[in-house]
């Protein structure tokens, strides 16, 4: 089963959870243990990527080690065409739609496309927008951040992504954000699109995850919490809350 088909099937059953692992934040063996624990707890897929510090070497090593211990799909969440791993199960072929730098909108995609073709990777087209405060990813992407009080702007981006044929839409508050994407924004976006909606950034507590699920998110991504060695209990509470 292709990864996109797997995700869509799981989403039909209810909101899913994906664990994001940054290959620059720990060595590959530790990353693999994180993925193994997340799988045991009930996450639905592993995403690998980060805003800075991702290299071909740490990306390949991380994915290879994860695949030794974890049977879930490993999806590459790229920061650019400088590192693309043949070992991932799929890659989000994504555009940072609200970047002020054209290379993040289409330039890196043009650079990466021939490599992806050569490697024979499954691509999942995704529109990605960054919401205030944006954190490091907003800075690195040179994003024109979507104001938290402007859900209609997020809706416009989401519709544009859908009309351009993208199969997923991702609202990102930024890793380590003090607040997740506002529920009102999630609700408005979901009301207006028919493609699955992913929400990530700043989700630390089960109550936040439930609110995001109830607002309409089809997939919830957490990453920063797994960078703390004692993450299992917190992650389990979030995943359990999402899947109730």
Protein backbone atom coordinates (compact mmCIF):
# COMPACT_ATOMS: atom_id res chain seq x y z
CA UNK A 1 0.00 0.00 0.00
CA UNK A 2 1.35 3.41 -0.95
CA UNK A 3 1.83 5.90 1.87
CA UNK A 4 -0.78 8.35 0.63
CA UNK A 5 -3.34 5.56 0.41
CA UNK A 6 -2.41 4.45 3.95
CA UNK A 7 -2.82 8.00 5.32
CA UNK A 8 -6.16 8.54 3.59
CA UNK A 9 -7.46 5.23 4.87
CA UNK A 10 -6.44 6.05 8.44
CA UNK A 11 -7.91 9.54 8.19
CA UNK A 12 -11.25 8.07 7.12
CA UNK A 13 -11.29 6.28 10.49
CA UNK A 14 -10.67 9.50 12.45
CA UNK A 15 -8.01 12.08 13.27
CA UNK A 16 -4.52 10.62 13.07
CA UNK A 17 -1.30 11.49 14.88
CA UNK A 18 2.14 11.79 13.32
CA UNK A 19 5.43 12.06 15.20
CA UNK A 20 8.03 14.45 13.79
CA UNK A 21 11.68 13.59 14.41
CA UNK A 22 14.39 16.14 13.59
CA UNK A 23 17.57 14.31 12.50
CA UNK A 24 19.69 17.22 13.74
CA UNK A 25 18.41 17.02 17.33
CA UNK A 26 19.74 13.58 18.35
CA UNK A 27 21.81 10.75 16.93
CA UNK A 28 20.18 8.17 14.69
CA UNK A 29 20.01 5.42 17.31
CA UNK A 30 18.12 7.68 19.72
CA UNK A 31 15.83 8.75 16.86
CA UNK A 32 15.03 5.11 16.16
CA UNK A 33 14.13 4.50 19.80
CA UNK A 34 11.84 7.53 19.73
CA UNK A 35 10.08 6.15 16.65
CA UNK A 36 9.79 2.69 18.20
CA UNK A 37 8.23 4.13 21.36
CA UNK A 38 5.88 6.37 19.38
CA UNK A 39 4.71 3.37 17.34
CA UNK A 40 4.05 1.36 20.50
CA UNK A 41 2.06 4.27 21.95
CA UNK A 42 -0.12 4.55 18.84
CA UNK A 43 1.23 7.19 16.46
CA UNK A 44 0.20 6.56 12.85
CA UNK A 45 3.29 7.66 10.91
CA UNK A 46 6.78 9.02 11.40
CA UNK A 47 7.84 12.29 9.79
CA UNK A 48 11.55 13.09 9.55
CA UNK A 49 12.80 16.62 8.96
CA UNK A 50 13.81 19.94 10.45
CA UNK A 51 14.22 23.61 9.58
CA UNK A 52 18.00 23.68 9.99
CA UNK A 53 20.86 21.23 10.39
CA UNK A 54 19.50 18.47 8.15
CA UNK A 55 22.27 16.91 6.05
CA UNK A 56 22.28 14.00 3.63
CA UNK A 57 24.27 12.00 6.17
CA UNK A 58 22.12 12.56 9.27
CA UNK A 59 18.94 12.18 7.21
CA UNK A 60 19.94 8.82 5.72
CA UNK A 61 21.29 7.48 9.01
CA UNK A 62 18.19 8.54 10.92
CA UNK A 63 15.75 6.97 8.45
CA UNK A 64 17.75 3.74 8.18
CA UNK A 65 17.90 3.34 11.97
CA UNK A 66 14.20 4.15 12.36
CA UNK A 67 13.27 1.51 9.81
CA UNK A 68 15.16 -1.14 11.80
CA UNK A 69 12.88 -0.65 14.82
CA UNK A 70 9.65 0.79 13.43
CA UNK A 71 7.20 -0.60 10.87
CA UNK A 72 5.29 2.65 10.31
CA UNK A 73 5.67 4.69 7.12
CA UNK A 74 8.57 7.14 7.29
CA UNK A 75 7.72 10.37 5.45
CA UNK A 76 10.38 12.94 4.67
CA UNK A 77 9.36 16.49 5.63
CA UNK A 78 11.95 18.40 3.58
CA UNK A 79 13.60 21.75 4.21
CA UNK A 80 15.12 21.85 0.72
CA UNK A 81 16.61 19.87 -2.13
CA UNK A 82 20.06 19.71 -0.52
CA UNK A 83 19.17 16.44 1.23
CA UNK A 84 16.74 13.85 -0.16
CA UNK A 85 16.84 10.28 1.11
CA UNK A 86 16.21 7.23 -1.04
CA UNK A 87 15.34 5.39 2.19
CA UNK A 88 12.12 7.25 3.05
CA UNK A 89 8.77 5.68 2.15
CA UNK A 90 7.42 8.96 0.75
CA UNK A 91 8.24 12.65 0.59
CA UNK A 92 5.91 15.58 1.10
CA UNK A 93 6.32 17.47 -2.17
CA UNK A 94 5.47 20.71 -0.49
CA UNK A 95 5.39 24.41 -1.21
CA UNK A 96 5.69 27.06 1.50
CA UNK A 97 2.88 29.09 0.01
CA UNK A 98 3.33 32.17 2.18
CA UNK A 99 7.10 32.42 1.80
CA UNK A 100 8.43 35.71 0.44
CA UNK A 101 11.31 33.79 -1.12
CA UNK A 102 10.36 32.16 -4.42
CA UNK A 103 12.82 29.32 -3.84
CA UNK A 104 10.63 28.06 -0.99
CA UNK A 105 7.51 28.31 -3.13
CA UNK A 106 8.85 26.57 -6.26
CA UNK A 107 12.67 26.84 -6.56
CA UNK A 108 13.63 23.99 -4.24
CA UNK A 109 10.89 21.86 -5.79
CA UNK A 110 12.38 22.38 -9.26
CA UNK A 111 15.83 21.43 -7.93
CA UNK A 112 14.52 18.38 -6.12
CA UNK A 113 12.10 16.99 -8.70
CA UNK A 114 14.70 15.29 -10.96
CA UNK A 115 16.36 13.72 -7.90
CA UNK A 116 13.01 12.41 -6.64
CA UNK A 117 12.28 11.01 -10.11
CA UNK A 118 15.65 9.27 -10.24
CA UNK A 119 15.17 7.76 -6.77
CA UNK A 120 11.62 6.63 -7.58
CA UNK A 121 10.17 8.14 -4.41
CA UNK A 122 6.46 8.44 -3.74
CA UNK A 123 5.44 12.10 -3.62
CA UNK A 124 2.54 13.56 -1.65
CA UNK A 125 1.75 17.10 -2.88
CA UNK A 126 1.14 19.45 0.04
CA UNK A 127 0.44 23.13 0.55
CA UNK A 128 2.16 24.44 3.68
CA UNK A 129 1.57 27.77 5.39
CA UNK A 130 3.11 29.24 8.50
CA UNK A 131 0.97 30.99 11.11
CA UNK A 132 2.15 33.44 13.78
CA UNK A 133 4.44 33.17 15.68
CA UNK A 134 6.16 30.93 13.11
CA UNK A 135 9.26 30.31 15.22
CA UNK A 136 12.44 29.11 13.45
CA UNK A 137 10.65 27.71 10.40
CA UNK A 138 8.98 31.06 9.80
CA UNK A 139 12.34 32.82 9.98
CA UNK A 140 14.20 30.32 7.78
CA UNK A 141 11.36 30.22 5.24
CA UNK A 142 11.08 34.02 5.15
CA UNK A 143 7.36 33.54 5.63
CA UNK A 144 4.84 36.34 5.48
CA UNK A 145 3.21 34.90 8.60
CA UNK A 146 -0.56 34.50 8.69
CA UNK A 147 -1.88 36.63 11.57
CA UNK A 148 -3.63 34.59 14.24
CA UNK A 149 -6.67 36.85 13.98
CA UNK A 150 -7.04 36.43 10.21
CA UNK A 151 -8.57 33.00 9.56
CA UNK A 152 -9.91 34.10 6.17
CA UNK A 153 -6.38 34.55 4.87
CA UNK A 154 -5.61 30.97 5.89
CA UNK A 155 -8.80 29.87 4.10
CA UNK A 156 -7.66 31.64 0.93
CA UNK A 157 -4.31 29.87 1.01
CA UNK A 158 -6.01 26.53 1.69
CA UNK A 159 -8.38 26.97 -1.24
CA UNK A 160 -5.49 28.00 -3.49
CA UNK A 161 -3.61 24.84 -2.49
CA UNK A 162 -6.64 22.67 -3.20
CA UNK A 163 -7.36 24.34 -6.54
CA UNK A 164 -3.72 23.84 -7.59
CA UNK A 165 -4.19 20.12 -7.03
CA UNK A 166 -2.38 19.68 -3.73
CA UNK A 167 -3.62 16.68 -1.78
CA UNK A 168 -2.90 17.90 1.76
CA UNK A 169 -2.90 21.28 3.47
CA UNK A 170 -0.71 21.96 6.52
CA UNK A 171 -1.18 24.79 9.05
CA UNK A 172 2.06 25.30 10.98
CA UNK A 173 2.55 27.44 14.10
CA UNK A 174 6.23 26.47 14.29
CA UNK A 175 8.09 23.95 16.43
CA UNK A 176 8.22 25.11 20.03
CA UNK A 177 5.51 27.73 19.48
CA UNK A 178 3.99 28.96 22.76
CA UNK A 179 0.53 28.45 21.23
CA UNK A 180 -0.89 26.10 18.61
CA UNK A 181 -2.76 27.31 15.52
CA UNK A 182 -6.03 28.95 16.71
CA UNK A 183 -9.10 26.71 16.72
CA UNK A 184 -11.13 29.35 14.88
CA UNK A 185 -8.64 29.28 12.01
CA UNK A 186 -8.64 25.48 11.85
CA UNK A 187 -12.43 25.41 11.88
CA UNK A 188 -12.75 27.97 9.06
CA UNK A 189 -10.15 26.26 6.89
CA UNK A 190 -11.69 22.83 7.34
CA UNK A 191 -15.15 24.18 6.55
CA UNK A 192 -13.93 25.43 3.18
CA UNK A 193 -11.74 22.64 1.80
CA UNK A 194 -12.24 19.00 0.94
CA UNK A 195 -8.61 17.85 1.19
CA UNK A 196 -7.19 16.61 4.53
CA UNK A 197 -5.97 19.25 6.96
CA UNK A 198 -2.77 18.75 8.99
CA UNK A 199 -2.00 20.95 12.01
CA UNK A 200 1.31 21.19 13.84
CA UNK A 201 3.35 23.40 16.14
CA UNK A 202 2.96 24.23 19.83
CA UNK A 203 0.84 21.20 20.75
CA UNK A 204 1.99 20.06 24.18
CA UNK A 205 -1.10 19.04 26.11
CA UNK A 206 -3.92 16.52 25.49
CA UNK A 207 -6.51 19.29 25.87
CA UNK A 208 -4.88 21.27 23.05
CA UNK A 209 -4.82 18.20 20.81
CA UNK A 210 -8.50 17.47 21.48
CA UNK A 211 -9.46 21.08 20.73
CA UNK A 212 -7.56 20.93 17.44
CA UNK A 213 -9.18 17.61 16.55
CA UNK A 214 -12.64 18.98 17.36
CA UNK A 215 -11.94 22.07 15.25
CA UNK A 216 -11.50 19.81 12.24
CA UNK A 217 -7.87 18.69 11.92
CA UNK A 218 -7.50 15.38 10.10
CA UNK A 219 -3.92 14.93 11.31
CA UNK A 220 -2.03 16.34 14.28
CA UNK A 221 1.76 16.53 14.34
CA UNK A 222 3.91 16.75 17.46
CA UNK A 223 7.67 16.94 17.46
CA UNK A 224 9.26 19.09 20.14
CA UNK A 225 7.98 16.96 23.02
CA UNK A 226 9.89 13.88 21.80
CA UNK A 227 13.15 15.81 22.05
CA UNK A 228 12.87 15.42 25.84
CA UNK A 229 14.14 11.97 26.82
CA UNK A 230 11.21 11.44 29.18
CA UNK A 231 8.51 12.00 26.56
CA UNK A 232 6.57 8.72 26.50
CA UNK A 233 3.92 9.53 29.11
CA UNK A 234 3.17 12.97 27.65
CA UNK A 235 2.99 11.64 24.11
CA UNK A 236 0.76 8.76 25.13
CA UNK A 237 -1.69 11.16 26.79
CA UNK A 238 -1.87 13.25 23.60
CA UNK A 239 -2.34 10.27 21.29
CA UNK A 240 -4.92 8.67 23.57
CA UNK A 241 -6.87 11.94 23.70
CA UNK A 242 -6.81 12.28 19.90
CA UNK A 243 -8.06 8.75 19.34
CA UNK A 244 -10.91 8.78 21.89
